[in-house]
Amino acid sequence: MTKQWLKNGILLLWACVSGVASAQEAYMVVEAHSGKVILAQNSQLKRPVASLTKICTGVIATDWAIATQQDLKKVMATVPESITRVGGPNPLNLQPGQQISLSDALYAALLASDNLSAMTIADHIGRDMNNRRGRQEDPVWSFVKEMNELARVLGMRNTRFLNPHGLELPKQEGYSTAADIAKLSIYAMRRPAFAFFVRQKNRSITVAGKSYNLSNTNQLVGEAGILGIKTGQTSAAGSCLATSMEKDPLVRTKPDGTKGATPRRMIVVLLNSDDRFGRTRGLLQSGWQGYDQWLSAGGIVQDPRREILPVPKF
């Protein structure tokens, strides 16, 4: 008993020293166009983020398709043998050697949170990257390095991706923060190709001659203004949810008499929540109220480093 208590105490102490959050809810609520942070709690604490990792996977995949002028519907990926080392559900009954379009794999990864589809995407695109660069590397790791490079460019200083799906596997225990995932979410939803995938409520795909109807695991999709984006859940990460909600632009009269439109999009990232959908609805409501009050007061920013979440535009 004493030995076990001591072991647990050491683990708890390590978690506190390393900055990795334990059983604490964390969130950030930010208006995407202005970067104004409305609400935040434990938003800088490092912790597992489960399948929110797939936001980055989806961004890399859609950006790759644009950069290489590839049609995701026409590019067929071969399911790699490496899926057998992932474990967990296999909703599409994927088997090594099968063919699936990258478009369908993305629907499966982003809507149904299929880990094996995420691995298939990473393997195919990673191989293409290696071929173009004349490298001989593990294709999935080449893809993951691109994920971490995007995180670096976006200023996600407290993030480390170790696989394309977000499962905590041996030597693959990645981490991020609510603030960093908010940055990633803002960037991702600027990308029309990515946003198209995550806003779908349902999608039918075909794999190996069999049809599958995929339902979006984000129960908020379909509610007014909700544009996606991703759920996540593991025992280590708890229940997580990143959500984007948009309202019509706010039209106001400028001092010179002309009218200007202010676009409005709220991002909520919620980690380790006991009620991710209910809490997100509440945070969205509070976020819009806080944002409207901020605008009514003149939209003044006194300390940009604390009040604004910077996300590079490129």
C-alpha atoms as a PDB file:
ATOM      1  CA  MET A   1       0.000   0.000   0.000  1.00  0.00           C
ATOM      2  CA  THR A   2       2.766   2.421   0.998  1.00  0.00           C
ATOM      3  CA  LYS A   3       4.792   1.537  -2.090  1.00  0.00           C
ATOM      4  CA  GLN A   4       1.796   2.096  -4.397  1.00  0.00           C
ATOM      5  CA  TRP A   5       0.956   5.404  -2.678  1.00  0.00           C
ATOM      6  CA  LEU A   6       4.548   6.549  -3.114  1.00  0.00           C
ATOM      7  CA  LYS A   7       4.490   5.565  -6.780  1.00  0.00           C
ATOM      8  CA  ASN A   8       1.269   7.494  -7.385  1.00  0.00           C
ATOM      9  CA  GLY A   9       2.652  10.493  -5.522  1.00  0.00           C
ATOM     10  CA  ILE A  10       5.767  10.553  -7.676  1.00  0.00           C
ATOM     11  CA  LEU A  11       3.690  10.345 -10.835  1.00  0.00           C
ATOM     12  CA  LEU A  12       1.477  13.203  -9.666  1.00  0.00           C
ATOM     13  CA  LEU A  13       4.525  15.310  -8.803  1.00  0.00           C
ATOM     14  CA  TRP A  14       6.022  14.614 -12.234  1.00  0.00           C
ATOM     15  CA  ALA A  15       2.818  15.680 -13.926  1.00  0.00           C
ATOM     16  CA  CYS A  16       2.783  18.971 -12.031  1.00  0.00           C
ATOM     17  CA  VAL A  17       6.456  19.703 -12.712  1.00  0.00           C
ATOM     18  CA  SER A  18       6.265  18.791 -16.404  1.00  0.00           C
ATOM     19  CA  GLY A  19       3.192  20.944 -16.967  1.00  0.00           C
ATOM     20  CA  VAL A  20       1.067  18.037 -18.191  1.00  0.00           C
ATOM     21  CA  ALA A  21      -2.504  18.454 -16.970  1.00  0.00           C
ATOM     22  CA  SER A  22      -4.211  15.653 -15.086  1.00  0.00           C
ATOM     23  CA  ALA A  23      -7.970  15.476 -14.581  1.00  0.00           C
ATOM     24  CA  GLN A  24      -8.659  19.144 -15.228  1.00  0.00           C
ATOM     25  CA  GLU A  25     -11.052  20.562 -17.769  1.00  0.00           C
ATOM     26  CA  ALA A  26      -9.401  23.032 -20.107  1.00  0.00           C
ATOM     27  CA  TYR A  27     -10.880  25.350 -22.697  1.00  0.00           C
ATOM     28  CA  MET A  28     -10.380  28.394 -24.853  1.00  0.00           C
ATOM     29  CA  VAL A  29     -13.054  30.513 -26.516  1.00  0.00           C
ATOM     30  CA  VAL A  30     -11.765  32.879 -29.187  1.00  0.00           C
ATOM     31  CA  GLU A  31     -13.264  34.938 -32.017  1.00  0.00           C
ATOM     32  CA  ALA A  32     -11.378  33.750 -35.080  1.00  0.00           C
ATOM     33  CA  HIS A  33     -11.191  36.907 -37.225  1.00  0.00           C
ATOM     34  CA  SER A  34     -10.042  39.304 -34.512  1.00  0.00           C
ATOM     35  CA  GLY A  35      -8.183  36.714 -32.440  1.00  0.00           C
ATOM     36  CA  LYS A  36      -9.893  38.092 -29.352  1.00  0.00           C
ATOM     37  CA  VAL A  37      -9.765  35.590 -26.494  1.00  0.00           C
ATOM     38  CA  ILE A  38     -13.095  35.700 -24.708  1.00  0.00           C
ATOM     39  CA  LEU A  39     -12.755  32.899 -22.159  1.00  0.00           C
ATOM     40  CA  ALA A  40      -9.962  30.558 -21.116  1.00  0.00           C
ATOM     41  CA  GLN A  41      -9.247  28.054 -18.375  1.00  0.00           C
ATOM     42  CA  ASN A  42      -6.133  25.889 -18.083  1.00  0.00           C
ATOM     43  CA  SER A  43      -5.625  26.766 -21.734  1.00  0.00           C
ATOM     44  CA  GLN A  44      -1.820  26.508 -21.588  1.00  0.00           C
ATOM     45  CA  LEU A  45      -1.611  23.141 -19.826  1.00  0.00           C
ATOM     46  CA  LYS A  46      -0.126  20.333 -21.902  1.00  0.00           C
ATOM     47  CA  ARG A  47      -2.277  17.234 -22.155  1.00  0.00           C
ATOM     48  CA  PRO A  48      -3.306  14.509 -24.618  1.00  0.00           C
ATOM     49  CA  VAL A  49      -5.851  15.726 -27.160  1.00  0.00           C
ATOM     50  CA  ALA A  50      -6.855  12.381 -28.730  1.00  0.00           C
ATOM     51  CA  SER A  51      -8.447  12.700 -32.190  1.00  0.00           C
ATOM     52  CA  LEU A  52      -8.253  16.495 -32.244  1.00  0.00           C
ATOM     53  CA  THR A  53      -4.884  15.492 -33.701  1.00  0.00           C
ATOM     54  CA  LYS A  54      -6.770  14.638 -36.903  1.00  0.00           C
ATOM     55  CA  ILE A  55      -7.476  18.335 -37.476  1.00  0.00           C
ATOM     56  CA  CYS A  56      -3.803  18.674 -38.347  1.00  0.00           C
ATOM     57  CA  THR A  57      -3.896  15.468 -40.385  1.00  0.00           C
ATOM     58  CA  GLY A  58      -6.786  16.834 -42.437  1.00  0.00           C
ATOM     59  CA  VAL A  59      -5.107  20.197 -42.979  1.00  0.00           C
ATOM     60  CA  ILE A  60      -1.856  18.625 -44.171  1.00  0.00           C
ATOM     61  CA  ALA A  61      -3.778  16.318 -46.522  1.00  0.00           C
ATOM     62  CA  THR A  62      -5.939  19.020 -48.096  1.00  0.00           C
ATOM     63  CA  ASP A  63      -3.033  21.459 -48.384  1.00  0.00           C
ATOM     64  CA  TRP A  64      -0.941  18.715 -50.026  1.00  0.00           C
ATOM     65  CA  ALA A  65      -3.693  18.102 -52.578  1.00  0.00           C
ATOM     66  CA  ILE A  66      -3.797  21.799 -53.466  1.00  0.00           C
ATOM     67  CA  ALA A  67      -0.004  22.128 -53.635  1.00  0.00           C
ATOM     68  CA  THR A  68       0.385  19.063 -55.875  1.00  0.00           C
ATOM     69  CA  GLN A  69      -2.804  19.736 -57.877  1.00  0.00           C
ATOM     70  CA  GLN A  70      -4.251  16.357 -56.923  1.00  0.00           C
ATOM     71  CA  ASP A  71      -7.956  15.491 -56.892  1.00  0.00           C
ATOM     72  CA  LEU A  72      -8.620  13.768 -53.572  1.00  0.00           C
ATOM     73  CA  LYS A  73     -11.563  11.909 -55.107  1.00  0.00           C
ATOM     74  CA  LYS A  74      -9.353  10.368 -57.794  1.00  0.00           C
ATOM     75  CA  VAL A  75      -6.226   9.603 -55.791  1.00  0.00           C
ATOM     76  CA  MET A  76      -6.393   6.010 -54.568  1.00  0.00           C
ATOM     77  CA  ALA A  77      -4.405   5.129 -51.479  1.00  0.00           C
ATOM     78  CA  THR A  78      -3.328   1.625 -50.522  1.00  0.00           C
ATOM     79  CA  VAL A  79      -4.166   0.644 -46.957  1.00  0.00           C
ATOM     80  CA  PRO A  80      -0.738   0.002 -45.363  1.00  0.00           C
ATOM     81  CA  GLU A  81       0.305  -2.954 -43.255  1.00  0.00           C
ATOM     82  CA  SER A  82       1.036  -0.505 -40.434  1.00  0.00           C
ATOM     83  CA  ILE A  83      -2.689  -0.282 -39.610  1.00  0.00           C
ATOM     84  CA  THR A  84      -2.368  -3.654 -37.885  1.00  0.00           C
ATOM     85  CA  ARG A  85      -0.205  -2.015 -35.223  1.00  0.00           C
ATOM     86  CA  VAL A  86      -2.715   0.676 -34.351  1.00  0.00           C
ATOM     87  CA  GLY A  87      -5.517  -1.361 -32.820  1.00  0.00           C
ATOM     88  CA  GLY A  88      -8.941  -0.071 -31.859  1.00  0.00           C
ATOM     89  CA  PRO A  89     -12.146  -0.023 -33.939  1.00  0.00           C
ATOM     90  CA  ASN A  90     -12.076  -0.714 -37.662  1.00  0.00           C
ATOM     91  CA  PRO A  91     -15.454   0.672 -38.836  1.00  0.00           C
ATOM     92  CA  LEU A  92     -14.634   0.280 -42.541  1.00  0.00           C
ATOM     93  CA  ASN A  93     -13.110  -3.183 -42.086  1.00  0.00           C
ATOM     94  CA  LEU A  94      -9.947  -1.904 -43.746  1.00  0.00           C
ATOM     95  CA  GLN A  95      -7.410  -4.556 -44.649  1.00  0.00           C
ATOM     96  CA  PRO A  96      -3.802  -4.059 -45.786  1.00  0.00           C
ATOM     97  CA  GLY A  97      -3.598  -3.865 -49.548  1.00  0.00           C
ATOM     98  CA  GLN A  98      -7.119  -2.529 -50.082  1.00  0.00           C
ATOM     99  CA  GLN A  99      -7.692   0.667 -52.043  1.00  0.00           C
ATOM    100  CA  ILE A 100      -9.570   3.711 -50.781  1.00  0.00           C
ATOM    101  CA  SER A 101      -9.761   7.202 -52.237  1.00  0.00           C
ATOM    102  CA  LEU A 102      -8.081   9.890 -50.180  1.00  0.00           C
ATOM    103  CA  SER A 103     -11.378  11.753 -50.167  1.00  0.00           C
ATOM    104  CA  ASP A 104     -13.210   8.824 -48.584  1.00  0.00           C
ATOM    105  CA  ALA A 105     -10.354   8.247 -46.145  1.00  0.00           C
ATOM    106  CA  LEU A 106     -10.610  11.886 -45.061  1.00  0.00           C
ATOM    107  CA  TYR A 107     -14.355  11.609 -44.542  1.00  0.00           C
ATOM    108  CA  ALA A 108     -13.766   8.528 -42.402  1.00  0.00           C
ATOM    109  CA  ALA A 109     -10.981  10.178 -40.390  1.00  0.00           C
ATOM    110  CA  LEU A 110     -12.645  13.561 -39.883  1.00  0.00           C
ATOM    111  CA  LEU A 111     -16.295  12.550 -39.514  1.00  0.00           C
ATOM    112  CA  ALA A 112     -16.137   9.057 -38.025  1.00  0.00           C
ATOM    113  CA  SER A 113     -12.722   9.586 -36.381  1.00  0.00           C
ATOM    114  CA  ASP A 114     -11.351   6.412 -37.977  1.00  0.00           C
ATOM    115  CA  ASN A 115      -7.737   5.915 -36.893  1.00  0.00           C
ATOM    116  CA  LEU A 116      -6.893   3.427 -39.642  1.00  0.00           C
ATOM    117  CA  SER A 117      -8.037   5.839 -42.330  1.00  0.00           C
ATOM    118  CA  ALA A 118      -5.811   8.504 -40.786  1.00  0.00           C
ATOM    119  CA  MET A 119      -2.864   6.092 -41.001  1.00  0.00           C
ATOM    120  CA  THR A 120      -3.695   5.342 -44.643  1.00  0.00           C
ATOM    121  CA  ILE A 121      -3.755   9.066 -45.468  1.00  0.00           C
ATOM    122  CA  ALA A 122      -0.420   9.650 -43.733  1.00  0.00           C
ATOM    123  CA  ASP A 123       1.207   6.646 -45.397  1.00  0.00           C
ATOM    124  CA  HIS A 124       0.161   7.648 -48.914  1.00  0.00           C
ATOM    125  CA  ILE A 125       1.015  11.321 -48.659  1.00  0.00           C
ATOM    126  CA  GLY A 126       4.204  10.602 -46.721  1.00  0.00           C
ATOM    127  CA  ARG A 127       5.363   8.306 -49.537  1.00  0.00           C
ATOM    128  CA  ASP A 128       4.637  10.985 -52.111  1.00  0.00           C
ATOM    129  CA  MET A 129       6.579  13.546 -50.076  1.00  0.00           C
ATOM    130  CA  ASN A 130       9.535  11.164 -49.780  1.00  0.00           C
ATOM    131  CA  ASN A 131       9.522  10.495 -53.534  1.00  0.00           C
ATOM    132  CA  ARG A 132       9.436  14.193 -54.385  1.00  0.00           C
ATOM    133  CA  ARG A 133      12.279  14.928 -51.974  1.00  0.00           C
ATOM    134  CA  GLY A 134      14.373  11.890 -52.806  1.00  0.00           C
ATOM    135  CA  ARG A 135      14.210  10.591 -49.242  1.00  0.00           C
ATOM    136  CA  GLN A 136      13.940   7.105 -47.826  1.00  0.00           C
ATOM    137  CA  GLU A 137      12.069   7.518 -44.552  1.00  0.00           C
ATOM    138  CA  ASP A 138       9.123   5.933 -42.845  1.00  0.00           C
ATOM    139  CA  PRO A 139       6.243   7.559 -44.775  1.00  0.00           C
ATOM    140  CA  VAL A 140       3.985   8.016 -41.756  1.00  0.00           C
ATOM    141  CA  TRP A 141       6.770   9.703 -39.807  1.00  0.00           C
ATOM    142  CA  SER A 142       7.489  11.967 -42.806  1.00  0.00           C
ATOM    143  CA  PHE A 143       3.839  13.010 -42.691  1.00  0.00           C
ATOM    144  CA  VAL A 144       3.940  13.559 -38.918  1.00  0.00           C
ATOM    145  CA  LYS A 145       7.002  15.774 -39.323  1.00  0.00           C
ATOM    146  CA  GLU A 146       4.910  17.961 -41.627  1.00  0.00           C
ATOM    147  CA  MET A 147       2.266  18.129 -38.898  1.00  0.00           C
ATOM    148  CA  ASN A 148       4.855  19.331 -36.400  1.00  0.00           C
ATOM    149  CA  GLU A 149       6.273  21.805 -38.894  1.00  0.00           C
ATOM    150  CA  LEU A 150       2.805  23.322 -39.331  1.00  0.00           C
ATOM    151  CA  ALA A 151       2.470  23.477 -35.547  1.00  0.00           C
ATOM    152  CA  ARG A 152       5.803  25.318 -35.378  1.00  0.00           C
ATOM    153  CA  VAL A 153       4.814  27.843 -38.046  1.00  0.00           C
ATOM    154  CA  LEU A 154       1.491  28.490 -36.303  1.00  0.00           C
ATOM    155  CA  GLY A 155       3.267  29.155 -33.012  1.00  0.00           C
ATOM    156  CA  MET A 156       1.905  26.056 -31.272  1.00  0.00           C
ATOM    157  CA  ARG A 157       4.819  25.967 -28.844  1.00  0.00           C
ATOM    158  CA  ASN A 158       3.262  23.468 -26.452  1.00  0.00           C
ATOM    159  CA  THR A 159       2.346  20.841 -29.033  1.00  0.00           C
ATOM    160  CA  ARG A 160       4.024  17.641 -30.165  1.00  0.00           C
ATOM    161  CA  PHE A 161       2.368  15.272 -32.618  1.00  0.00           C
ATOM    162  CA  LEU A 162       3.693  11.705 -32.723  1.00  0.00           C
ATOM    163  CA  ASN A 163       1.155  10.045 -35.012  1.00  0.00           C
ATOM    164  CA  PRO A 164      -1.644  11.116 -37.391  1.00  0.00           C
ATOM    165  CA  HIS A 165      -4.571   9.767 -35.343  1.00  0.00           C
ATOM    166  CA  GLY A 166      -4.081  10.819 -31.710  1.00  0.00           C
ATOM    167  CA  LEU A 167      -4.136   7.453 -29.936  1.00  0.00           C
ATOM    168  CA  GLU A 168      -1.721   7.153 -27.041  1.00  0.00           C
ATOM    169  CA  LEU A 169       0.499   4.266 -28.130  1.00  0.00           C
ATOM    170  CA  PRO A 170       3.875   3.186 -26.674  1.00  0.00           C
ATOM    171  CA  LYS A 171       6.395   5.951 -27.421  1.00  0.00           C
ATOM    172  CA  GLN A 172       3.610   7.860 -29.215  1.00  0.00           C
ATOM    173  CA  GLU A 173       2.090   9.960 -26.459  1.00  0.00           C
ATOM    174  CA  GLY A 174       1.629  13.319 -28.072  1.00  0.00           C
ATOM    175  CA  TYR A 175       0.272  16.424 -26.379  1.00  0.00           C
ATOM    176  CA  SER A 176      -1.096  19.894 -26.988  1.00  0.00           C
ATOM    177  CA  THR A 177      -3.086  22.600 -25.207  1.00  0.00           C
ATOM    178  CA  ALA A 178      -6.487  24.209 -25.606  1.00  0.00           C
ATOM    179  CA  ALA A 179      -4.783  27.395 -26.806  1.00  0.00           C
ATOM    180  CA  ASP A 180      -2.673  25.589 -29.395  1.00  0.00           C
ATOM    181  CA  ILE A 181      -5.612  23.578 -30.732  1.00  0.00           C
ATOM    182  CA  ALA A 182      -7.552  26.851 -30.974  1.00  0.00           C
ATOM    183  CA  LYS A 183      -4.772  28.230 -33.192  1.00  0.00           C
ATOM    184  CA  LEU A 184      -4.879  25.105 -35.328  1.00  0.00           C
ATOM    185  CA  SER A 185      -8.668  25.257 -35.542  1.00  0.00           C
ATOM    186  CA  ILE A 186      -8.664  28.881 -36.668  1.00  0.00           C
ATOM    187  CA  TYR A 187      -6.116  28.086 -39.364  1.00  0.00           C
ATOM    188  CA  ALA A 188      -7.929  24.916 -40.447  1.00  0.00           C
ATOM    189  CA  MET A 189     -11.297  26.629 -40.847  1.00  0.00           C
ATOM    190  CA  ARG A 190      -9.709  29.262 -43.101  1.00  0.00           C
ATOM    191  CA  ARG A 191      -9.003  26.442 -45.554  1.00  0.00           C
ATOM    192  CA  PRO A 192     -12.165  25.899 -47.644  1.00  0.00           C
ATOM    193  CA  ALA A 193     -11.116  22.384 -48.676  1.00  0.00           C
ATOM    194  CA  PHE A 194     -10.759  21.293 -45.052  1.00  0.00           C
ATOM    195  CA  ALA A 195     -13.878  23.112 -43.873  1.00  0.00           C
ATOM    196  CA  PHE A 196     -15.957  21.332 -46.518  1.00  0.00           C
ATOM    197  CA  PHE A 197     -15.170  17.938 -45.005  1.00  0.00           C
ATOM    198  CA  VAL A 198     -15.849  18.727 -41.356  1.00  0.00           C
ATOM    199  CA  ARG A 199     -19.152  20.515 -41.865  1.00  0.00           C
ATOM    200  CA  GLN A 200     -20.811  17.378 -43.315  1.00  0.00           C
ATOM    201  CA  LYS A 201     -23.333  15.711 -41.007  1.00  0.00           C
ATOM    202  CA  ASN A 202     -23.359  12.427 -42.932  1.00  0.00           C
ATOM    203  CA  ARG A 203     -21.478  10.966 -45.868  1.00  0.00           C
ATOM    204  CA  SER A 204     -21.720   7.720 -47.820  1.00  0.00           C
ATOM    205  CA  ILE A 205     -18.485   6.154 -49.055  1.00  0.00           C
ATOM    206  CA  THR A 206     -17.514   2.892 -50.723  1.00  0.00           C
ATOM    207  CA  VAL A 207     -14.582   0.666 -49.773  1.00  0.00           C
ATOM    208  CA  ALA A 208     -13.835  -2.657 -51.451  1.00  0.00           C
ATOM    209  CA  GLY A 209     -17.238  -2.647 -53.102  1.00  0.00           C
ATOM    210  CA  LYS A 210     -19.136  -2.114 -49.843  1.00  0.00           C
ATOM    211  CA  SER A 211     -21.015   1.066 -48.952  1.00  0.00           C
ATOM    212  CA  TYR A 212     -20.731   2.742 -45.552  1.00  0.00           C
ATOM    213  CA  ASN A 213     -22.761   5.625 -44.164  1.00  0.00           C
ATOM    214  CA  LEU A 214     -20.607   7.807 -41.961  1.00  0.00           C
ATOM    215  CA  SER A 215     -22.128  10.053 -39.305  1.00  0.00           C
ATOM    216  CA  ASN A 216     -20.260  13.024 -37.899  1.00  0.00           C
ATOM    217  CA  THR A 217     -19.263  12.312 -34.300  1.00  0.00           C
ATOM    218  CA  ASN A 218     -19.715  16.020 -33.553  1.00  0.00           C
ATOM    219  CA  GLN A 219     -23.355  16.122 -32.453  1.00  0.00           C
ATOM    220  CA  LEU A 220     -23.441  19.904 -32.791  1.00  0.00           C
ATOM    221  CA  VAL A 221     -23.065  19.793 -36.581  1.00  0.00           C
ATOM    222  CA  GLY A 222     -26.437  20.648 -38.054  1.00  0.00           C
ATOM    223  CA  GLU A 223     -27.290  23.194 -35.378  1.00  0.00           C
ATOM    224  CA  ALA A 224     -27.557  26.818 -36.473  1.00  0.00           C
ATOM    225  CA  GLY A 225     -24.190  28.286 -37.450  1.00  0.00           C
ATOM    226  CA  ILE A 226     -22.089  25.243 -36.519  1.00  0.00           C
ATOM    227  CA  LEU A 227     -19.376  24.543 -39.107  1.00  0.00           C
ATOM    228  CA  GLY A 228     -17.649  21.518 -37.475  1.00  0.00           C
ATOM    229  CA  ILE A 229     -14.900  20.690 -36.553  1.00  0.00           C
ATOM    230  CA  LYS A 230     -13.692  17.590 -34.552  1.00  0.00           C
ATOM    231  CA  THR A 231     -14.268  15.336 -31.564  1.00  0.00           C
ATOM    232  CA  GLY A 232     -11.709  13.340 -29.632  1.00  0.00           C
ATOM    233  CA  GLN A 233     -11.780  10.838 -26.799  1.00  0.00           C
ATOM    234  CA  THR A 234      -9.347   8.478 -25.103  1.00  0.00           C
ATOM    235  CA  SER A 235      -8.949   7.423 -21.487  1.00  0.00           C
ATOM    236  CA  ALA A 236      -5.931   9.710 -21.104  1.00  0.00           C
ATOM    237  CA  ALA A 237      -7.393  12.735 -22.911  1.00  0.00           C
ATOM    238  CA  GLY A 238     -10.971  12.435 -21.712  1.00  0.00           C
ATOM    239  CA  SER A 239     -13.739  13.797 -23.928  1.00  0.00           C
ATOM    240  CA  CYS A 240     -12.583  16.634 -26.186  1.00  0.00           C
ATOM    241  CA  LEU A 241     -14.284  18.843 -28.742  1.00  0.00           C
ATOM    242  CA  ALA A 242     -13.206  21.625 -31.075  1.00  0.00           C
ATOM    243  CA  THR A 243     -16.097  23.590 -32.575  1.00  0.00           C
ATOM    244  CA  SER A 244     -16.502  26.440 -35.053  1.00  0.00           C
ATOM    245  CA  MET A 245     -19.632  28.578 -35.169  1.00  0.00           C
ATOM    246  CA  GLU A 246     -20.336  31.454 -37.503  1.00  0.00           C
ATOM    247  CA  LYS A 247     -22.789  34.334 -37.422  1.00  0.00           C
ATOM    248  CA  ASP A 248     -23.697  36.776 -40.170  1.00  0.00           C
ATOM    249  CA  PRO A 249     -21.258  39.669 -40.515  1.00  0.00           C
ATOM    250  CA  LEU A 250     -21.960  42.615 -38.262  1.00  0.00           C
ATOM    251  CA  VAL A 251     -22.699  45.681 -40.412  1.00  0.00           C
ATOM    252  CA  ARG A 252     -21.780  48.975 -38.773  1.00  0.00           C
ATOM    253  CA  THR A 253     -21.540  52.593 -39.858  1.00  0.00           C
ATOM    254  CA  LYS A 254     -17.990  53.971 -39.799  1.00  0.00           C
ATOM    255  CA  PRO A 255     -17.128  57.491 -38.564  1.00  0.00           C
ATOM    256  CA  ASP A 256     -16.898  58.665 -42.199  1.00  0.00           C
ATOM    257  CA  GLY A 257     -20.462  57.526 -42.857  1.00  0.00           C
ATOM    258  CA  THR A 258     -19.597  54.447 -44.909  1.00  0.00           C
ATOM    259  CA  LYS A 259     -20.647  50.986 -43.810  1.00  0.00           C
ATOM    260  CA  GLY A 260     -18.331  48.120 -43.006  1.00  0.00           C
ATOM    261  CA  ALA A 261     -18.958  44.446 -42.349  1.00  0.00           C
ATOM    262  CA  THR A 262     -17.230  42.637 -39.497  1.00  0.00           C
ATOM    263  CA  PRO A 263     -17.114  38.847 -40.016  1.00  0.00           C
ATOM    264  CA  ARG A 264     -17.824  36.738 -36.927  1.00  0.00           C
ATOM    265  CA  ARG A 265     -16.646  33.206 -36.182  1.00  0.00           C
ATOM    266  CA  MET A 266     -16.297  31.701 -32.710  1.00  0.00           C
ATOM    267  CA  ILE A 267     -13.908  28.845 -31.964  1.00  0.00           C
ATOM    268  CA  VAL A 268     -14.340  26.759 -28.825  1.00  0.00           C
ATOM    269  CA  VAL A 269     -11.789  24.135 -27.825  1.00  0.00           C
ATOM    270  CA  LEU A 270     -12.772  21.999 -24.854  1.00  0.00           C
ATOM    271  CA  LEU A 271     -10.517  19.313 -23.382  1.00  0.00           C
ATOM    272  CA  ASN A 272     -11.273  16.634 -20.801  1.00  0.00           C
ATOM    273  CA  SER A 273     -14.919  17.525 -20.279  1.00  0.00           C
ATOM    274  CA  ASP A 274     -17.657  15.473 -18.626  1.00  0.00           C
ATOM    275  CA  ASP A 275     -20.216  16.992 -21.035  1.00  0.00           C
ATOM    276  CA  ARG A 276     -18.415  18.205 -24.128  1.00  0.00           C
ATOM    277  CA  PHE A 277     -21.511  19.012 -26.203  1.00  0.00           C
ATOM    278  CA  GLY A 278     -23.490  20.703 -23.442  1.00  0.00           C
ATOM    279  CA  ARG A 279     -20.459  22.606 -22.167  1.00  0.00           C
ATOM    280  CA  THR A 280     -19.577  23.743 -25.677  1.00  0.00           C
ATOM    281  CA  ARG A 281     -23.092  25.088 -26.230  1.00  0.00           C
ATOM    282  CA  GLY A 282     -22.758  27.069 -23.011  1.00  0.00           C
ATOM    283  CA  LEU A 283     -19.286  28.327 -23.880  1.00  0.00           C
ATOM    284  CA  LEU A 284     -20.481  29.427 -27.311  1.00  0.00           C
ATOM    285  CA  GLN A 285     -23.330  31.394 -25.765  1.00  0.00           C
ATOM    286  CA  SER A 286     -21.021  33.019 -23.223  1.00  0.00           C
ATOM    287  CA  GLY A 287     -18.436  33.632 -25.926  1.00  0.00           C
ATOM    288  CA  TRP A 288     -20.829  35.514 -28.181  1.00  0.00           C
ATOM    289  CA  GLN A 289     -22.089  37.587 -25.244  1.00  0.00           C
ATOM    290  CA  GLY A 290     -18.544  38.488 -24.246  1.00  0.00           C
ATOM    291  CA  TYR A 291     -17.551  39.296 -27.811  1.00  0.00           C
ATOM    292  CA  ASP A 292     -20.579  41.546 -28.372  1.00  0.00           C
ATOM    293  CA  GLN A 293     -19.832  43.394 -25.132  1.00  0.00           C
ATOM    294  CA  TRP A 294     -16.206  43.842 -26.193  1.00  0.00           C
ATOM    295  CA  LEU A 295     -17.254  45.275 -29.552  1.00  0.00           C
ATOM    296  CA  SER A 296     -19.837  47.563 -27.933  1.00  0.00           C
ATOM    297  CA  ALA A 297     -17.091  48.926 -25.677  1.00  0.00           C
ATOM    298  CA  GLY A 298     -14.995  49.802 -28.726  1.00  0.00           C
ATOM    299  CA  GLY A 299     -13.037  46.586 -29.213  1.00  0.00           C
ATOM    300  CA  ILE A 300     -10.155  47.946 -27.180  1.00  0.00           C
ATOM    301  CA  VAL A 301      -7.083  45.744 -26.685  1.00  0.00           C
ATOM    302  CA  GLN A 302      -4.892  46.756 -23.763  1.00  0.00           C
ATOM    303  CA  ASP A 303      -2.493  43.789 -23.661  1.00  0.00           C
ATOM    304  CA  PRO A 304      -2.269  41.988 -27.029  1.00  0.00           C
ATOM    305  CA  ARG A 305      -0.080  39.216 -25.616  1.00  0.00           C
ATOM    306  CA  ARG A 306      -2.834  38.210 -23.203  1.00  0.00           C
ATOM    307  CA  GLU A 307      -5.954  39.211 -25.104  1.00  0.00           C
ATOM    308  CA  ILE A 308      -5.206  38.194 -28.695  1.00  0.00           C
ATOM    309  CA  LEU A 309      -4.434  34.714 -30.002  1.00  0.00           C
ATOM    310  CA  PRO A 310      -2.113  35.246 -32.984  1.00  0.00           C
ATOM    311  CA  VAL A 311      -2.526  32.922 -35.975  1.00  0.00           C
ATOM    312  CA  PRO A 312      -0.361  33.650 -39.038  1.00  0.00           C
ATOM    313  CA  LYS A 313      -2.175  34.114 -42.341  1.00  0.00           C
ATOM    314  CA  PHE A 314      -0.632  32.354 -45.312  1.00  0.00           C
END
